[in-house]
């Protein structure tokens, strides 16, 4: 039974990271067509909410007391995953390469371990602490392009800096998701998380609209919206929750290592992006951090 659970978890998680890898590519396309990032994210989750509503509203109403009792947890889950993470990723891709973004996002598994330790969800060890340190150095090398002058002058690419916030936001979400078992189904849980996330995303959408960043309802927007709603929106979130429920947050996080590989290949083929020296150097530190964070301490 355990082997069967592992197999299905691996399938779920592989599809999850494949769809998320495509999300970076589509997010880059959105920047080319000047689609406002918060607007895209709002419509992504608004339509996802509508699609799920007929299947989840009865269950949510039935469990409303449980949901209100745990509203603080659901609020944090919604803000970190729906409001912050996806919005910032789309925003960041207006200014940075896909390769840089996904390399930094690949540190999330290490950050999950770190945050799980801080929140006392899981214990940590010396190797995981070293893993966090190495991963942080790797991210710093990518942000600074391995150029000390950029660090001294604080002349960072704002897309790289905001991607760091996205990275920590998703790590907090993933760690907290594992904190307890849930009284509602996985679809119901996703709808609740989307609902709480939209509460804070709606005013940001209207602010962006009032500033003058408005979307044109043309074919590129509709195709991009269709992808982000159905695949990285609904399918990936459902599959991610299923994967974590079967094998846990730490083991699930390992699958995120595939995302930079898939996204980088897509970016090189579609956008002619290239791996630079600082990508390789930063990637080596991140890889070292990942390997260290998954090393087990052998008790004598």
Protein backbone atom coordinates (compact mmCIF):
# COMPACT_ATOMS: atom_id res chain seq x y z
CA UNK A 1 0.00 0.00 0.00
CA UNK A 2 2.86 2.35 0.87
CA UNK A 3 4.60 1.72 -2.47
CA UNK A 4 1.35 2.43 -4.29
CA UNK A 5 0.89 5.68 -2.34
CA UNK A 6 4.45 6.72 -3.14
CA UNK A 7 3.94 5.99 -6.84
CA UNK A 8 0.80 8.10 -7.10
CA UNK A 9 2.41 10.87 -5.04
CA UNK A 10 5.35 10.96 -7.47
CA UNK A 11 3.01 11.18 -10.46
CA UNK A 12 1.01 13.97 -8.84
CA UNK A 13 4.12 15.93 -7.93
CA UNK A 14 5.80 15.50 -11.33
CA UNK A 15 2.71 16.86 -13.08
CA UNK A 16 2.58 19.68 -10.52
CA UNK A 17 6.10 20.90 -11.26
CA UNK A 18 5.61 20.49 -15.02
CA UNK A 19 2.55 22.75 -14.95
CA UNK A 20 4.35 25.22 -12.67
CA UNK A 21 7.35 25.24 -15.00
CA UNK A 22 4.98 26.20 -17.80
CA UNK A 23 3.56 28.93 -15.56
CA UNK A 24 6.90 30.76 -15.66
CA UNK A 25 6.97 30.58 -19.44
CA UNK A 26 3.39 31.83 -19.73
CA UNK A 27 4.16 34.52 -17.13
CA UNK A 28 7.00 35.74 -19.32
CA UNK A 29 4.65 35.85 -22.31
CA UNK A 30 2.26 37.91 -20.18
CA UNK A 31 5.00 40.51 -19.68
CA UNK A 32 5.53 40.71 -23.46
CA UNK A 33 1.83 41.46 -23.97
CA UNK A 34 1.87 43.96 -21.06
CA UNK A 35 -0.73 42.03 -19.07
CA UNK A 36 -0.76 43.54 -15.53
CA UNK A 37 0.54 40.90 -13.06
CA UNK A 38 -1.99 41.44 -10.25
CA UNK A 39 -4.83 41.58 -12.76
CA UNK A 40 -3.72 38.28 -14.30
CA UNK A 41 -3.46 36.68 -10.88
CA UNK A 42 -6.86 38.03 -9.84
CA UNK A 43 -8.64 36.60 -12.89
CA UNK A 44 -6.69 33.36 -12.53
CA UNK A 45 -8.05 32.72 -9.04
CA UNK A 46 -11.46 34.31 -9.59
CA UNK A 47 -12.25 31.87 -12.41
CA UNK A 48 -10.67 28.99 -10.51
CA UNK A 49 -13.00 29.86 -7.58
CA UNK A 50 -16.02 29.90 -9.91
CA UNK A 51 -15.11 26.50 -11.39
CA UNK A 52 -14.71 24.92 -7.96
CA UNK A 53 -17.74 26.59 -6.35
CA UNK A 54 -20.47 24.12 -7.43
CA UNK A 55 -18.41 21.20 -6.11
CA UNK A 56 -17.26 22.77 -2.84
CA UNK A 57 -19.81 25.31 -1.54
CA UNK A 58 -22.11 22.68 0.07
CA UNK A 59 -19.16 21.16 1.92
CA UNK A 60 -17.84 24.57 2.96
CA UNK A 61 -21.25 25.60 4.35
CA UNK A 62 -21.49 22.31 6.21
CA UNK A 63 -18.07 22.91 7.80
CA UNK A 64 -18.37 26.67 8.29
CA UNK A 65 -17.86 26.43 12.07
CA UNK A 66 -14.62 24.51 11.56
CA UNK A 67 -13.43 27.01 8.93
CA UNK A 68 -14.21 30.05 11.11
CA UNK A 69 -12.52 28.39 14.08
CA UNK A 70 -9.32 28.00 12.03
CA UNK A 71 -9.65 31.21 10.02
CA UNK A 72 -6.23 32.51 11.04
CA UNK A 73 -4.46 29.51 9.50
CA UNK A 74 -6.58 29.65 6.33
CA UNK A 75 -5.96 33.38 6.11
CA UNK A 76 -2.20 32.91 6.17
CA UNK A 77 -2.40 30.04 3.67
CA UNK A 78 -4.49 32.20 1.32
CA UNK A 79 -2.28 35.29 1.58
CA UNK A 80 1.03 33.44 1.16
CA UNK A 81 -0.05 31.25 -1.77
CA UNK A 82 -2.81 33.10 -3.63
CA UNK A 83 -2.29 36.79 -2.86
CA UNK A 84 1.49 37.05 -2.63
CA UNK A 85 3.30 34.21 -4.37
CA UNK A 86 1.62 34.14 -7.76
CA UNK A 87 1.28 37.91 -8.04
CA UNK A 88 4.94 38.47 -7.29
CA UNK A 89 6.09 35.78 -9.73
CA UNK A 90 4.16 37.44 -12.58
CA UNK A 91 5.46 40.86 -11.51
CA UNK A 92 9.07 39.66 -11.27
CA UNK A 93 9.04 38.14 -14.76
CA UNK A 94 8.56 41.64 -16.17
CA UNK A 95 12.12 42.39 -15.10
CA UNK A 96 14.13 39.18 -14.79
CA UNK A 97 14.95 36.09 -16.83
CA UNK A 98 12.95 32.90 -16.45
CA UNK A 99 16.19 31.05 -15.66
CA UNK A 100 17.09 33.43 -12.80
CA UNK A 101 13.59 33.23 -11.36
CA UNK A 102 13.29 29.45 -11.37
CA UNK A 103 16.78 28.95 -9.95
CA UNK A 104 15.81 31.07 -6.96
CA UNK A 105 12.44 29.33 -6.64
CA UNK A 106 14.33 26.01 -6.57
CA UNK A 107 15.56 26.91 -3.07
CA UNK A 108 12.01 26.59 -1.73
CA UNK A 109 12.50 22.97 -0.51
CA UNK A 110 15.38 24.13 1.68
CA UNK A 111 13.31 27.08 2.90
CA UNK A 112 10.44 24.71 3.76
CA UNK A 113 12.78 22.73 6.02
CA UNK A 114 14.08 25.95 7.59
CA UNK A 115 10.62 27.41 8.25
CA UNK A 116 9.28 24.04 9.45
CA UNK A 117 12.06 24.09 12.03
CA UNK A 118 11.33 27.66 13.15
CA UNK A 119 7.62 26.88 13.51
CA UNK A 120 8.51 23.60 15.28
CA UNK A 121 6.68 21.56 12.68
CA UNK A 122 9.73 19.39 12.05
CA UNK A 123 13.13 19.13 13.72
CA UNK A 124 16.25 20.33 11.92
CA UNK A 125 19.91 19.30 12.00
CA UNK A 126 23.31 20.78 11.25
CA UNK A 127 23.22 19.64 7.61
CA UNK A 128 19.92 21.42 7.03
CA UNK A 129 21.30 24.60 8.57
CA UNK A 130 24.31 24.38 6.25
CA UNK A 131 21.90 23.69 3.37
CA UNK A 132 20.04 26.92 4.08
CA UNK A 133 23.34 28.83 4.17
CA UNK A 134 24.59 27.38 0.87
CA UNK A 135 21.24 27.98 -0.82
CA UNK A 136 21.18 31.58 0.39
CA UNK A 137 24.68 32.12 -1.04
CA UNK A 138 23.46 30.66 -4.34
CA UNK A 139 20.50 33.04 -4.47
CA UNK A 140 22.80 35.96 -3.58
CA UNK A 141 25.15 35.05 -6.44
CA UNK A 142 22.23 35.06 -8.89
CA UNK A 143 20.81 38.34 -7.58
CA UNK A 144 24.22 40.05 -7.78
CA UNK A 145 25.19 38.26 -11.01
CA UNK A 146 28.37 37.30 -9.09
CA UNK A 147 29.38 40.97 -9.27
CA UNK A 148 30.54 42.51 -5.98
CA UNK A 149 29.83 46.03 -7.26
CA UNK A 150 26.11 45.26 -7.53
CA UNK A 151 26.12 44.13 -3.89
CA UNK A 152 28.12 47.16 -2.69
CA UNK A 153 25.98 49.65 -4.64
CA UNK A 154 22.73 47.77 -3.90
CA UNK A 155 22.02 47.97 -7.64
CA UNK A 156 19.81 44.88 -7.81
CA UNK A 157 17.35 43.85 -10.49
CA UNK A 158 13.99 44.46 -8.79
CA UNK A 159 12.58 41.35 -10.43
CA UNK A 160 15.23 39.24 -8.68
CA UNK A 161 14.57 40.90 -5.32
CA UNK A 162 10.81 40.45 -5.48
CA UNK A 163 11.28 36.81 -6.53
CA UNK A 164 13.01 36.25 -3.17
CA UNK A 165 9.81 37.37 -1.40
CA UNK A 166 7.83 34.95 -3.56
CA UNK A 167 10.23 32.16 -2.60
CA UNK A 168 9.77 32.71 1.16
CA UNK A 169 6.01 33.14 0.77
CA UNK A 170 5.57 29.72 -0.85
CA UNK A 171 7.87 28.08 1.68
CA UNK A 172 5.71 29.42 4.53
CA UNK A 173 2.57 28.16 2.76
CA UNK A 174 3.99 24.66 2.21
CA UNK A 175 5.27 24.35 5.77
CA UNK A 176 1.98 25.49 7.32
CA UNK A 177 -0.02 23.25 4.98
CA UNK A 178 1.52 20.26 6.71
CA UNK A 179 0.96 21.64 10.21
CA UNK A 180 -2.31 19.80 10.76
CA UNK A 181 -4.79 17.42 9.20
CA UNK A 182 -7.89 19.01 7.74
CA UNK A 183 -11.54 18.25 8.37
CA UNK A 184 -12.51 19.14 4.79
CA UNK A 185 -11.66 17.52 1.46
CA UNK A 186 -8.69 18.62 -0.64
CA UNK A 187 -10.96 20.42 -3.12
CA UNK A 188 -12.77 22.12 -0.26
CA UNK A 189 -9.46 23.12 1.29
CA UNK A 190 -8.29 24.62 -2.03
CA UNK A 191 -11.52 26.62 -2.36
CA UNK A 192 -11.17 27.94 1.18
CA UNK A 193 -7.55 28.96 0.54
CA UNK A 194 -8.53 30.68 -2.73
CA UNK A 195 -11.38 32.50 -0.97
CA UNK A 196 -9.16 33.92 1.74
CA UNK A 197 -6.48 34.81 -0.82
CA UNK A 198 -8.98 36.63 -3.04
CA UNK A 199 -10.16 38.76 -0.12
CA UNK A 200 -6.79 40.52 -0.19
CA UNK A 201 -6.21 40.21 -3.94
CA UNK A 202 -9.43 42.08 -4.90
CA UNK A 203 -8.37 45.50 -3.51
CA UNK A 204 -4.89 45.13 -5.07
CA UNK A 205 -6.55 44.39 -8.43
CA UNK A 206 -8.67 47.55 -8.18
CA UNK A 207 -5.65 49.65 -7.21
CA UNK A 208 -3.78 48.36 -10.27
CA UNK A 209 -6.85 49.10 -12.40
CA UNK A 210 -7.19 52.66 -11.07
CA UNK A 211 -3.51 53.36 -11.68
CA UNK A 212 -4.13 52.59 -15.34
CA UNK A 213 -2.79 49.05 -15.73
CA UNK A 214 -5.67 47.43 -17.60
CA UNK A 215 -5.94 44.28 -19.63
CA UNK A 216 -7.02 44.01 -23.26
CA UNK A 217 -9.50 41.17 -23.78
CA UNK A 218 -7.69 39.74 -26.78
CA UNK A 219 -6.59 36.23 -27.83
CA UNK A 220 -3.15 36.31 -26.07
CA UNK A 221 -4.74 37.23 -22.73
CA UNK A 222 -7.48 34.61 -23.07
CA UNK A 223 -4.96 31.85 -23.92
CA UNK A 224 -2.65 32.84 -21.07
CA UNK A 225 -5.57 33.06 -18.64
CA UNK A 226 -6.89 29.67 -19.76
CA UNK A 227 -3.54 28.02 -19.06
CA UNK A 228 -2.91 29.62 -15.66
CA UNK A 229 -6.45 28.87 -14.44
CA UNK A 230 -6.61 25.22 -15.49
CA UNK A 231 -3.05 23.94 -15.06
CA UNK A 232 -0.82 25.79 -12.55
CA UNK A 233 -3.99 27.15 -10.95
CA UNK A 234 -6.38 24.29 -10.33
CA UNK A 235 -4.55 21.11 -11.36
CA UNK A 236 -1.21 21.90 -9.69
CA UNK A 237 -2.70 23.05 -6.40
CA UNK A 238 -4.88 19.95 -6.15
CA UNK A 239 -1.98 17.66 -7.07
CA UNK A 240 0.41 19.48 -4.68
CA UNK A 241 -2.01 19.07 -1.77
CA UNK A 242 -2.48 15.39 -2.66
CA UNK A 243 1.28 14.81 -2.87
CA UNK A 244 1.97 16.48 0.49
CA UNK A 245 -0.84 14.50 2.13
CA UNK A 246 0.75 11.23 0.93
CA UNK A 247 4.47 11.75 1.55
CA UNK A 248 4.83 15.00 3.53
CA UNK A 249 6.09 18.53 2.82
CA UNK A 250 9.83 17.79 2.93
CA UNK A 251 9.76 14.87 0.47
CA UNK A 252 7.27 16.66 -1.76
CA UNK A 253 9.50 19.73 -1.82
CA UNK A 254 12.27 17.69 -3.45
CA UNK A 255 10.21 17.53 -6.66
CA UNK A 256 10.51 21.30 -6.99
CA UNK A 257 14.11 20.64 -8.07
CA UNK A 258 12.73 19.51 -11.43
CA UNK A 259 11.02 22.84 -12.07
CA UNK A 260 14.14 24.93 -12.86
CA UNK A 261 15.36 22.24 -15.22
CA UNK A 262 12.06 22.10 -17.11
CA UNK A 263 11.61 25.89 -17.12
CA UNK A 264 15.20 26.54 -18.18
CA UNK A 265 14.89 24.14 -21.11
CA UNK A 266 11.64 25.81 -22.17
CA UNK A 267 13.14 29.30 -21.77
CA UNK A 268 16.21 28.45 -23.82
CA UNK A 269 14.06 26.99 -26.62
CA UNK A 270 11.31 29.62 -26.63
CA UNK A 271 13.04 32.84 -25.51
CA UNK A 272 16.67 32.04 -26.46
CA UNK A 273 17.76 32.62 -22.86
CA UNK A 274 21.24 31.45 -21.93
CA UNK A 275 22.84 30.06 -18.82
CA UNK A 276 25.36 32.65 -17.67
CA UNK A 277 28.36 32.02 -15.41
CA UNK A 278 26.52 33.40 -12.35
CA UNK A 279 23.62 31.03 -13.06
CA UNK A 280 25.98 28.06 -13.01
CA UNK A 281 27.84 29.26 -9.89
CA UNK A 282 24.63 30.10 -8.03
CA UNK A 283 23.05 26.85 -9.19
CA UNK A 284 25.97 24.83 -7.80
CA UNK A 285 25.58 26.45 -4.37
CA UNK A 286 21.81 25.89 -4.45
CA UNK A 287 22.33 22.25 -5.47
CA UNK A 288 24.85 21.82 -2.65
CA UNK A 289 22.36 23.34 -0.22
CA UNK A 290 19.63 20.99 -1.40
CA UNK A 291 21.89 17.95 -1.03
CA UNK A 292 23.03 19.02 2.45
CA UNK A 293 19.48 19.75 3.63
CA UNK A 294 18.41 16.21 2.69
CA UNK A 295 21.37 14.53 4.40
CA UNK A 296 20.40 12.50 7.44
CA UNK A 297 22.28 12.61 10.75
CA UNK A 298 23.46 9.14 11.75
CA UNK A 299 23.18 8.60 15.47
CA UNK A 300 26.06 6.68 17.05
